[in-house]
C-alpha cells in the first residue's frame, strides 16, 4: 500500500494524520536505504503496524527483498473481508519472480485486533514456503498485525 493511501481515521486531528503519514514516509525511506537489511522482525514491526493496524478489512501484504534482505518493493496482493482473505501461493510466487526477489516477508492484519495465528494461517504459510522454495525464494517470516500487537511466525518457530 503506498504511503499516500494510508487509511486515515476521521477521529484523528488533521495534524495527527499528517504526523502519521510523515512517520510512514520516514520509516519507508529508512527501510529502502542501502545497507539496511531486515535481519530481524524489529526492523519492520513499526512500519507494518502503521500500515495495517487501522484497516477495517483483512489484507495480505508481501515485502520483496534482495539477497542482502534489503527492501526491493512491497505491495498488498490480496484484500478480503472483515475476517478473512483468500491467498493464492501462485500469485505470490509470480510477483516474487517479477521483482527478482531472493526472499520475502508476508504479513496480514486481523481487524478484530487479535493477532492469534489460526490453523488456516499456519497452513497457508506452509504452502507459501513450499511454493516459494521451488523457485529458490526464501520465506523469512509471516507477521500478523492485530491492532498494536504483532505475532511473528519466525519468532514462534513456526517456519
Protein backbone atom coordinates (compact mmCIF):
# COMPACT_ATOMS: atom_id res chain seq x y z
CA UNK A 1 0.00 0.00 0.00
CA UNK A 2 1.54 3.29 -0.96
CA UNK A 3 2.09 5.87 1.73
CA UNK A 4 -0.42 8.22 0.13
CA UNK A 5 -3.21 5.68 0.52
CA UNK A 6 -2.70 5.18 4.26
CA UNK A 7 -6.17 4.97 5.78
CA UNK A 8 -6.89 8.00 7.89
CA UNK A 9 -9.24 7.88 10.79
CA UNK A 10 -11.79 10.68 10.91
CA UNK A 11 -11.43 10.86 14.67
CA UNK A 12 -7.77 11.90 14.46
CA UNK A 13 -6.97 15.59 14.16
CA UNK A 14 -5.56 16.65 10.81
CA UNK A 15 -2.16 17.40 12.36
CA UNK A 16 -2.00 13.86 13.79
CA UNK A 17 -2.94 12.37 10.41
CA UNK A 18 -0.10 14.36 8.81
CA UNK A 19 2.31 13.18 11.51
CA UNK A 20 1.36 9.54 10.92
CA UNK A 21 1.82 9.92 7.15
CA UNK A 22 5.22 11.57 7.69
CA UNK A 23 6.26 8.77 10.08
CA UNK A 24 5.31 6.18 7.45
CA UNK A 25 7.30 8.06 4.85
CA UNK A 26 10.38 8.23 7.09
CA UNK A 27 10.14 4.54 8.02
CA UNK A 28 9.75 3.51 4.39
CA UNK A 29 12.69 5.71 3.36
CA UNK A 30 14.82 4.16 6.11
CA UNK A 31 13.88 0.63 5.03
CA UNK A 32 14.93 1.45 1.45
CA UNK A 33 18.32 2.90 2.39
CA UNK A 34 21.29 0.93 1.07
CA UNK A 35 22.71 -1.36 3.70
CA UNK A 36 19.55 -1.57 5.83
CA UNK A 37 18.74 -5.28 5.84
CA UNK A 38 15.72 -6.86 7.50
CA UNK A 39 17.75 -9.10 9.76
CA UNK A 40 15.11 -9.14 12.47
CA UNK A 41 11.37 -8.63 12.68
CA UNK A 42 12.02 -5.48 14.74
CA UNK A 43 13.06 -3.68 11.54
CA UNK A 44 9.56 -3.95 10.04
CA UNK A 45 7.17 -4.08 13.01
CA UNK A 46 6.53 -0.36 13.38
CA UNK A 47 6.09 0.12 9.64
CA UNK A 48 3.64 -2.79 9.37
CA UNK A 49 1.76 -1.64 12.45
CA UNK A 50 1.23 1.80 10.89
CA UNK A 51 0.28 0.27 7.53
CA UNK A 52 -2.13 -2.43 8.73
CA UNK A 53 -3.37 -1.80 12.27
CA UNK A 54 -6.27 0.51 11.43
CA UNK A 55 -7.65 -1.26 8.37
CA UNK A 56 -11.24 -2.45 8.54
CA UNK A 57 -10.73 -5.34 6.10
CA UNK A 58 -8.15 -8.09 6.14
CA UNK A 59 -5.31 -7.58 3.67
CA UNK A 60 -2.29 -9.68 2.76
CA UNK A 61 0.94 -7.80 2.06
CA UNK A 62 4.25 -9.03 0.67
CA UNK A 63 7.65 -7.38 1.16
CA UNK A 64 10.15 -8.38 -1.54
CA UNK A 65 13.81 -8.49 -0.51
CA UNK A 66 17.10 -8.86 -2.33
CA UNK A 67 19.91 -11.27 -1.44
CA UNK A 68 21.07 -8.97 1.40
CA UNK A 69 17.47 -8.78 2.74
CA UNK A 70 17.06 -5.16 1.66
CA UNK A 71 13.61 -4.00 0.61
CA UNK A 72 13.03 -4.01 -3.16
CA UNK A 73 9.28 -3.37 -3.08
CA UNK A 74 6.11 -4.04 -1.15
CA UNK A 75 2.51 -4.49 -2.18
CA UNK A 76 -0.87 -5.58 -0.94
CA UNK A 77 -1.62 -8.66 -3.02
CA UNK A 78 -4.97 -9.70 -1.57
CA UNK A 79 -7.83 -7.90 0.14
CA UNK A 80 -10.62 -9.73 1.89
CA UNK A 81 -13.47 -9.27 4.29
CA UNK A 82 -13.53 -8.29 7.94
CA UNK A 83 -12.48 -11.80 8.95
CA UNK A 84 -10.56 -13.47 6.10
CA UNK A 85 -8.54 -13.10 2.92
CA UNK A 86 -8.03 -15.71 0.25
CA UNK A 87 -4.31 -16.10 -0.52
CA UNK A 88 -3.04 -17.77 -3.70
CA UNK A 89 0.58 -19.03 -3.45
CA UNK A 90 0.87 -18.97 -7.26
CA UNK A 91 0.37 -15.18 -7.27
CA UNK A 92 2.93 -14.66 -4.51
CA UNK A 93 5.50 -16.69 -6.46
CA UNK A 94 4.67 -14.85 -9.69
CA UNK A 95 5.20 -11.44 -8.06
CA UNK A 96 8.38 -12.55 -6.26
CA UNK A 97 9.83 -13.56 -9.64
CA UNK A 98 8.65 -10.26 -11.16
CA UNK A 99 10.70 -8.34 -8.58
CA UNK A 100 13.58 -10.86 -8.78
CA UNK A 101 13.32 -11.28 -5.02
CA UNK A 102 15.64 -13.61 -3.14
CA UNK A 103 13.40 -13.58 -0.07
CA UNK A 104 10.00 -12.35 1.07
CA UNK A 105 8.26 -11.40 4.27
CA UNK A 106 4.48 -11.76 4.26
CA UNK A 107 2.07 -10.03 6.60
CA UNK A 108 -1.62 -9.71 7.12
CA UNK A 109 -3.87 -7.98 9.59
CA UNK A 110 -6.69 -9.15 11.83
CA UNK A 111 -9.19 -6.28 12.02
CA UNK A 112 -10.58 -7.85 15.20
CA UNK A 113 -7.38 -6.77 16.96
CA UNK A 114 -6.41 -10.32 17.97
CA UNK A 115 -3.12 -11.31 16.30
CA UNK A 116 -3.63 -15.01 17.03
CA UNK A 117 -2.46 -17.35 14.28
CA UNK A 118 -5.25 -19.64 13.11
CA UNK A 119 -4.75 -23.09 11.64
CA UNK A 120 -5.58 -21.58 8.24
CA UNK A 121 -2.78 -19.01 8.75
CA UNK A 122 -0.32 -21.79 9.56
CA UNK A 123 -1.46 -23.89 6.61
CA UNK A 124 -1.13 -21.08 4.05
CA UNK A 125 2.29 -20.20 5.45
CA UNK A 126 3.49 -23.77 4.86
CA UNK A 127 2.04 -23.75 1.33
CA UNK A 128 3.75 -20.42 0.60
CA UNK A 129 7.06 -21.67 1.95
CA UNK A 130 6.88 -24.79 -0.24
CA UNK A 131 5.82 -22.89 -3.38
CA UNK A 132 8.49 -20.22 -2.95
CA UNK A 133 11.19 -22.83 -2.26
CA UNK A 134 10.54 -24.33 -5.71
CA UNK A 135 11.87 -21.11 -7.27
CA UNK A 136 14.56 -20.57 -4.61
CA UNK A 137 12.87 -17.67 -2.82
CA UNK A 138 13.05 -17.83 0.97
CA UNK A 139 10.06 -17.01 3.17
CA UNK A 140 11.70 -15.21 6.11
CA UNK A 141 8.62 -14.51 8.19
CA UNK A 142 4.86 -14.21 8.31
CA UNK A 143 3.65 -11.44 10.59
CA UNK A 144 0.10 -10.98 11.83
CA UNK A 145 -0.88 -7.47 12.88
CA UNK A 146 -3.74 -7.21 15.35
CA UNK A 147 -4.12 -3.63 16.48
CA UNK A 148 -0.85 -2.69 18.16
CA UNK A 149 0.24 -6.32 18.65
CA UNK A 150 2.19 -8.34 16.10
CA UNK A 151 2.82 -12.09 16.06
CA UNK A 152 5.87 -13.38 14.18
CA UNK A 153 5.87 -16.93 12.83
CA UNK A 154 9.69 -16.92 12.80
CA UNK A 155 9.90 -15.89 16.45
CA UNK A 156 7.48 -18.67 17.43
CA UNK A 157 9.40 -21.29 15.41
CA UNK A 158 6.50 -21.90 13.02
CA UNK A 159 8.67 -21.55 9.89
